[in-house]
């Protein structure tokens, strides 16, 4: 009996190590690509488009953090009931819940944190650009902008986390619905082909 428990822990540790080995370089590549894209947008466009990018980054960070929280709080039976008339969406939701640890990691840590870091850098770059243009009192502008971006991100995450915990089932059903437009889960039979 004790041997079975030790083997199970060893398998779980091995799976966790494999996941870590996969997600770390993926995160690096995603961060590098999205950072380069954000830098290009900020450098080669006007202030309005840069502010739109900043807003999108903050909203994306907040939403994905909410999904990360909801996936750890949802009730499988209630999600299934919400999606009972939508087989594809239900299948996606069940797969998400079976892989809750990975979904949480991707949503909250990978996407949420990358967007959070990029929004801070984007805000600082916008402020630096405005400082160069305005001159007077410009020394405080980057600091104030970074503080405002951080406050909006943290405040948004705090607000949405409460909603995500209380409405986790609906949140995951909505995420599965959105995913169903771009993703089709494979059957186990398809995997063997």
C-alpha atoms as a PDB file:
ATOM      1  CA  UNK A   1       0.000   0.000   0.000  1.00  0.00           C
ATOM      2  CA  UNK A   2       2.781   2.406   0.957  1.00  0.00           C
ATOM      3  CA  UNK A   3       4.692   1.432  -2.177  1.00  0.00           C
ATOM      4  CA  UNK A   4       1.697   2.383  -4.382  1.00  0.00           C
ATOM      5  CA  UNK A   5       1.532   5.812  -2.740  1.00  0.00           C
ATOM      6  CA  UNK A   6       5.235   6.392  -3.311  1.00  0.00           C
ATOM      7  CA  UNK A   7       4.923   5.363  -6.969  1.00  0.00           C
ATOM      8  CA  UNK A   8       1.961   7.706  -7.455  1.00  0.00           C
ATOM      9  CA  UNK A   9       3.917  10.612  -5.960  1.00  0.00           C
ATOM     10  CA  UNK A  10       6.879   9.762  -8.188  1.00  0.00           C
ATOM     11  CA  UNK A  11       4.624   9.748 -11.311  1.00  0.00           C
ATOM     12  CA  UNK A  12       3.038  13.073 -10.340  1.00  0.00           C
ATOM     13  CA  UNK A  13       6.456  14.613  -9.696  1.00  0.00           C
ATOM     14  CA  UNK A  14       7.658  13.344 -13.060  1.00  0.00           C
ATOM     15  CA  UNK A  15       4.592  14.823 -14.829  1.00  0.00           C
ATOM     16  CA  UNK A  16       5.129  18.109 -13.029  1.00  0.00           C
ATOM     17  CA  UNK A  17       8.784  18.173 -14.076  1.00  0.00           C
ATOM     18  CA  UNK A  18       7.852  17.449 -17.696  1.00  0.00           C
ATOM     19  CA  UNK A  19       5.240  20.238 -17.628  1.00  0.00           C
ATOM     20  CA  UNK A  20       7.794  22.650 -16.152  1.00  0.00           C
ATOM     21  CA  UNK A  21      10.341  21.710 -18.811  1.00  0.00           C
ATOM     22  CA  UNK A  22       7.738  22.364 -21.534  1.00  0.00           C
ATOM     23  CA  UNK A  23       6.145  25.558 -20.229  1.00  0.00           C
ATOM     24  CA  UNK A  24       9.362  27.415 -19.358  1.00  0.00           C
ATOM     25  CA  UNK A  25      10.741  27.726 -22.924  1.00  0.00           C
ATOM     26  CA  UNK A  26       7.219  28.305 -24.270  1.00  0.00           C
ATOM     27  CA  UNK A  27       6.812  31.198 -21.831  1.00  0.00           C
ATOM     28  CA  UNK A  28      10.192  32.598 -22.831  1.00  0.00           C
ATOM     29  CA  UNK A  29       9.293  32.449 -26.530  1.00  0.00           C
ATOM     30  CA  UNK A  30       5.826  33.965 -26.003  1.00  0.00           C
ATOM     31  CA  UNK A  31       7.237  36.720 -23.832  1.00  0.00           C
ATOM     32  CA  UNK A  32       9.971  37.485 -26.339  1.00  0.00           C
ATOM     33  CA  UNK A  33       7.570  37.578 -29.290  1.00  0.00           C
ATOM     34  CA  UNK A  34       4.882  39.617 -27.549  1.00  0.00           C
ATOM     35  CA  UNK A  35       7.491  41.975 -26.095  1.00  0.00           C
ATOM     36  CA  UNK A  36       8.994  42.560 -29.533  1.00  0.00           C
ATOM     37  CA  UNK A  37       5.536  43.180 -30.991  1.00  0.00           C
ATOM     38  CA  UNK A  38       4.618  45.601 -28.202  1.00  0.00           C
ATOM     39  CA  UNK A  39       7.929  47.436 -28.599  1.00  0.00           C
ATOM     40  CA  UNK A  40       7.345  47.746 -32.345  1.00  0.00           C
ATOM     41  CA  UNK A  41       3.838  49.129 -31.816  1.00  0.00           C
ATOM     42  CA  UNK A  42       5.012  51.638 -29.214  1.00  0.00           C
ATOM     43  CA  UNK A  43       8.030  52.747 -31.247  1.00  0.00           C
ATOM     44  CA  UNK A  44       6.329  53.086 -34.616  1.00  0.00           C
ATOM     45  CA  UNK A  45       2.847  54.320 -33.773  1.00  0.00           C
ATOM     46  CA  UNK A  46       1.233  57.258 -32.081  1.00  0.00           C
ATOM     47  CA  UNK A  47       0.244  57.684 -28.473  1.00  0.00           C
ATOM     48  CA  UNK A  48      -3.384  56.657 -29.070  1.00  0.00           C
ATOM     49  CA  UNK A  49      -2.504  53.225 -30.480  1.00  0.00           C
ATOM     50  CA  UNK A  50       0.052  52.728 -27.701  1.00  0.00           C
ATOM     51  CA  UNK A  51      -2.629  53.527 -25.112  1.00  0.00           C
ATOM     52  CA  UNK A  52      -5.010  51.064 -26.805  1.00  0.00           C
ATOM     53  CA  UNK A  53      -2.286  48.395 -26.617  1.00  0.00           C
ATOM     54  CA  UNK A  54      -1.739  49.232 -22.953  1.00  0.00           C
ATOM     55  CA  UNK A  55      -5.465  48.876 -22.254  1.00  0.00           C
ATOM     56  CA  UNK A  56      -5.623  45.546 -24.092  1.00  0.00           C
ATOM     57  CA  UNK A  57      -2.662  44.225 -22.120  1.00  0.00           C
ATOM     58  CA  UNK A  58      -4.216  45.203 -18.772  1.00  0.00           C
ATOM     59  CA  UNK A  59      -7.636  43.759 -19.685  1.00  0.00           C
ATOM     60  CA  UNK A  60      -6.054  40.531 -20.986  1.00  0.00           C
ATOM     61  CA  UNK A  61      -4.015  40.132 -17.782  1.00  0.00           C
ATOM     62  CA  UNK A  62      -7.115  40.641 -15.642  1.00  0.00           C
ATOM     63  CA  UNK A  63      -9.367  38.285 -17.650  1.00  0.00           C
ATOM     64  CA  UNK A  64      -6.857  35.441 -17.845  1.00  0.00           C
ATOM     65  CA  UNK A  65      -6.079  35.762 -14.149  1.00  0.00           C
ATOM     66  CA  UNK A  66      -9.822  35.367 -13.539  1.00  0.00           C
ATOM     67  CA  UNK A  67      -9.922  32.189 -15.635  1.00  0.00           C
ATOM     68  CA  UNK A  68      -6.959  30.866 -13.645  1.00  0.00           C
ATOM     69  CA  UNK A  69      -8.827  31.442 -10.390  1.00  0.00           C
ATOM     70  CA  UNK A  70     -12.152  30.111 -11.694  1.00  0.00           C
ATOM     71  CA  UNK A  71     -10.672  26.833 -12.930  1.00  0.00           C
ATOM     72  CA  UNK A  72      -9.515  26.018  -9.397  1.00  0.00           C
ATOM     73  CA  UNK A  73     -12.887  26.957  -7.854  1.00  0.00           C
ATOM     74  CA  UNK A  74     -15.464  25.494 -10.244  1.00  0.00           C
ATOM     75  CA  UNK A  75     -17.766  22.556  -9.637  1.00  0.00           C
ATOM     76  CA  UNK A  76     -17.590  19.905 -12.351  1.00  0.00           C
ATOM     77  CA  UNK A  77     -21.244  18.861 -12.058  1.00  0.00           C
ATOM     78  CA  UNK A  78     -22.550  22.426 -12.293  1.00  0.00           C
ATOM     79  CA  UNK A  79     -20.376  23.239 -15.313  1.00  0.00           C
ATOM     80  CA  UNK A  80     -21.575  20.046 -16.981  1.00  0.00           C
ATOM     81  CA  UNK A  81     -25.187  21.053 -16.270  1.00  0.00           C
ATOM     82  CA  UNK A  82     -24.617  24.555 -17.694  1.00  0.00           C
ATOM     83  CA  UNK A  83     -23.270  23.049 -20.913  1.00  0.00           C
ATOM     84  CA  UNK A  84     -25.508  19.966 -21.142  1.00  0.00           C
ATOM     85  CA  UNK A  85     -26.956  20.938 -24.518  1.00  0.00           C
ATOM     86  CA  UNK A  86     -23.542  21.780 -26.003  1.00  0.00           C
ATOM     87  CA  UNK A  87     -21.441  18.615 -26.292  1.00  0.00           C
ATOM     88  CA  UNK A  88     -18.354  20.295 -27.776  1.00  0.00           C
ATOM     89  CA  UNK A  89     -18.302  23.038 -25.127  1.00  0.00           C
ATOM     90  CA  UNK A  90     -18.884  20.512 -22.347  1.00  0.00           C
ATOM     91  CA  UNK A  91     -16.011  18.370 -23.617  1.00  0.00           C
ATOM     92  CA  UNK A  92     -13.695  21.397 -23.657  1.00  0.00           C
ATOM     93  CA  UNK A  93     -14.771  22.402 -20.143  1.00  0.00           C
ATOM     94  CA  UNK A  94     -14.217  18.854 -18.829  1.00  0.00           C
ATOM     95  CA  UNK A  95     -10.760  18.765 -20.379  1.00  0.00           C
ATOM     96  CA  UNK A  96      -9.976  22.154 -18.823  1.00  0.00           C
ATOM     97  CA  UNK A  97     -11.100  20.934 -15.394  1.00  0.00           C
ATOM     98  CA  UNK A  98      -9.136  17.678 -15.677  1.00  0.00           C
ATOM     99  CA  UNK A  99      -6.066  19.810 -16.381  1.00  0.00           C
ATOM    100  CA  UNK A 100      -6.923  22.568 -13.885  1.00  0.00           C
ATOM    101  CA  UNK A 101      -3.348  22.913 -12.639  1.00  0.00           C
ATOM    102  CA  UNK A 102      -2.009  23.461 -16.156  1.00  0.00           C
ATOM    103  CA  UNK A 103      -4.881  25.747 -17.173  1.00  0.00           C
ATOM    104  CA  UNK A 104      -4.300  27.823 -14.047  1.00  0.00           C
ATOM    105  CA  UNK A 105      -0.579  28.012 -14.795  1.00  0.00           C
ATOM    106  CA  UNK A 106      -1.076  29.049 -18.422  1.00  0.00           C
ATOM    107  CA  UNK A 107      -3.829  31.573 -17.712  1.00  0.00           C
ATOM    108  CA  UNK A 108      -2.616  33.186 -14.494  1.00  0.00           C
ATOM    109  CA  UNK A 109       1.151  32.752 -14.725  1.00  0.00           C
ATOM    110  CA  UNK A 110       2.017  32.631 -18.406  1.00  0.00           C
ATOM    111  CA  UNK A 111      -0.548  34.887 -20.093  1.00  0.00           C
ATOM    112  CA  UNK A 112      -1.547  36.970 -17.070  1.00  0.00           C
ATOM    113  CA  UNK A 113       1.993  37.669 -15.908  1.00  0.00           C
ATOM    114  CA  UNK A 114       3.403  38.276 -19.392  1.00  0.00           C
ATOM    115  CA  UNK A 115       0.638  40.807 -20.056  1.00  0.00           C
ATOM    116  CA  UNK A 116       1.224  42.353 -16.639  1.00  0.00           C
ATOM    117  CA  UNK A 117       4.944  42.803 -17.261  1.00  0.00           C
ATOM    118  CA  UNK A 118       4.363  44.074 -20.796  1.00  0.00           C
ATOM    119  CA  UNK A 119       1.717  46.549 -19.627  1.00  0.00           C
ATOM    120  CA  UNK A 120       4.182  47.976 -17.106  1.00  0.00           C
ATOM    121  CA  UNK A 121       6.862  48.291 -19.774  1.00  0.00           C
ATOM    122  CA  UNK A 122       4.339  49.733 -22.228  1.00  0.00           C
ATOM    123  CA  UNK A 123       3.186  52.307 -19.672  1.00  0.00           C
ATOM    124  CA  UNK A 124       6.766  53.295 -18.908  1.00  0.00           C
ATOM    125  CA  UNK A 125       7.571  53.644 -22.616  1.00  0.00           C
ATOM    126  CA  UNK A 126       4.478  55.791 -23.195  1.00  0.00           C
ATOM    127  CA  UNK A 127       5.383  57.962 -20.221  1.00  0.00           C
ATOM    128  CA  UNK A 128       8.971  58.312 -21.409  1.00  0.00           C
ATOM    129  CA  UNK A 129       7.720  59.393 -24.835  1.00  0.00           C
ATOM    130  CA  UNK A 130       5.383  61.933 -23.266  1.00  0.00           C
ATOM    131  CA  UNK A 131       8.190  63.173 -21.003  1.00  0.00           C
ATOM    132  CA  UNK A 132      10.388  63.915 -23.983  1.00  0.00           C
ATOM    133  CA  UNK A 133       7.560  65.849 -25.648  1.00  0.00           C
ATOM    134  CA  UNK A 134       6.320  67.820 -22.644  1.00  0.00           C
ATOM    135  CA  UNK A 135       9.502  68.710 -20.780  1.00  0.00           C
ATOM    136  CA  UNK A 136       8.175  70.419 -17.614  1.00  0.00           C
ATOM    137  CA  UNK A 137       7.539  68.114 -14.664  1.00  0.00           C
ATOM    138  CA  UNK A 138       8.260  65.159 -16.899  1.00  0.00           C
ATOM    139  CA  UNK A 139      10.514  63.414 -14.371  1.00  0.00           C
ATOM    140  CA  UNK A 140       7.522  62.137 -12.420  1.00  0.00           C
ATOM    141  CA  UNK A 141       5.485  61.048 -15.441  1.00  0.00           C
ATOM    142  CA  UNK A 142       7.058  57.579 -15.906  1.00  0.00           C
ATOM    143  CA  UNK A 143       6.714  56.841 -12.184  1.00  0.00           C
ATOM    144  CA  UNK A 144       3.097  58.004 -12.066  1.00  0.00           C
ATOM    145  CA  UNK A 145       2.232  56.051 -15.210  1.00  0.00           C
ATOM    146  CA  UNK A 146       3.806  52.847 -13.893  1.00  0.00           C
ATOM    147  CA  UNK A 147       1.965  53.292 -10.589  1.00  0.00           C
ATOM    148  CA  UNK A 148      -1.353  53.857 -12.399  1.00  0.00           C
ATOM    149  CA  UNK A 149      -0.851  50.781 -14.605  1.00  0.00           C
ATOM    150  CA  UNK A 150       0.031  48.651 -11.568  1.00  0.00           C
ATOM    151  CA  UNK A 151      -2.992  49.951  -9.642  1.00  0.00           C
ATOM    152  CA  UNK A 152      -5.375  49.285 -12.540  1.00  0.00           C
ATOM    153  CA  UNK A 153      -3.996  45.791 -13.061  1.00  0.00           C
ATOM    154  CA  UNK A 154      -4.013  44.801  -9.386  1.00  0.00           C
ATOM    155  CA  UNK A 155      -7.401  46.446  -8.766  1.00  0.00           C
ATOM    156  CA  UNK A 156      -8.882  44.763 -11.827  1.00  0.00           C
ATOM    157  CA  UNK A 157      -7.503  41.382 -10.788  1.00  0.00           C
ATOM    158  CA  UNK A 158      -8.784  41.782  -7.222  1.00  0.00           C
ATOM    159  CA  UNK A 159     -12.252  42.738  -8.481  1.00  0.00           C
ATOM    160  CA  UNK A 160     -12.439  39.936 -11.017  1.00  0.00           C
ATOM    161  CA  UNK A 161     -11.019  37.278  -8.669  1.00  0.00           C
ATOM    162  CA  UNK A 162     -13.969  37.780  -6.339  1.00  0.00           C
ATOM    163  CA  UNK A 163     -16.369  37.450  -9.266  1.00  0.00           C
ATOM    164  CA  UNK A 164     -14.464  34.440 -10.650  1.00  0.00           C
ATOM    165  CA  UNK A 165     -14.663  32.558  -7.348  1.00  0.00           C
ATOM    166  CA  UNK A 166     -18.382  33.298  -6.854  1.00  0.00           C
ATOM    167  CA  UNK A 167     -19.270  32.526 -10.480  1.00  0.00           C
ATOM    168  CA  UNK A 168     -16.548  29.992 -11.306  1.00  0.00           C
ATOM    169  CA  UNK A 169     -18.905  27.594 -13.076  1.00  0.00           C
ATOM    170  CA  UNK A 170     -20.309  30.286 -15.380  1.00  0.00           C
ATOM    171  CA  UNK A 171     -16.812  31.647 -15.958  1.00  0.00           C
ATOM    172  CA  UNK A 172     -15.485  28.251 -17.086  1.00  0.00           C
ATOM    173  CA  UNK A 173     -18.598  27.629 -19.200  1.00  0.00           C
ATOM    174  CA  UNK A 174     -17.981  30.994 -20.909  1.00  0.00           C
ATOM    175  CA  UNK A 175     -14.292  30.183 -21.422  1.00  0.00           C
ATOM    176  CA  UNK A 176     -15.215  26.801 -22.936  1.00  0.00           C
ATOM    177  CA  UNK A 177     -17.747  28.520 -25.195  1.00  0.00           C
ATOM    178  CA  UNK A 178     -15.127  30.975 -26.471  1.00  0.00           C
ATOM    179  CA  UNK A 179     -12.585  28.192 -26.943  1.00  0.00           C
ATOM    180  CA  UNK A 180     -15.123  26.137 -28.896  1.00  0.00           C
ATOM    181  CA  UNK A 181     -14.905  28.644 -31.752  1.00  0.00           C
ATOM    182  CA  UNK A 182     -11.171  28.062 -32.238  1.00  0.00           C
ATOM    183  CA  UNK A 183     -10.558  24.590 -30.811  1.00  0.00           C
ATOM    184  CA  UNK A 184     -12.057  21.166 -31.424  1.00  0.00           C
ATOM    185  CA  UNK A 185     -11.144  18.485 -28.885  1.00  0.00           C
ATOM    186  CA  UNK A 186      -9.965  15.184 -30.306  1.00  0.00           C
ATOM    187  CA  UNK A 187     -11.444  11.863 -29.307  1.00  0.00           C
ATOM    188  CA  UNK A 188      -9.180   9.267 -27.746  1.00  0.00           C
ATOM    189  CA  UNK A 189      -9.766   7.179 -30.883  1.00  0.00           C
ATOM    190  CA  UNK A 190      -8.386  10.035 -33.018  1.00  0.00           C
ATOM    191  CA  UNK A 191      -5.216  10.091 -30.935  1.00  0.00           C
ATOM    192  CA  UNK A 192      -4.262   6.575 -32.041  1.00  0.00           C
ATOM    193  CA  UNK A 193      -4.472   7.403 -35.746  1.00  0.00           C
END
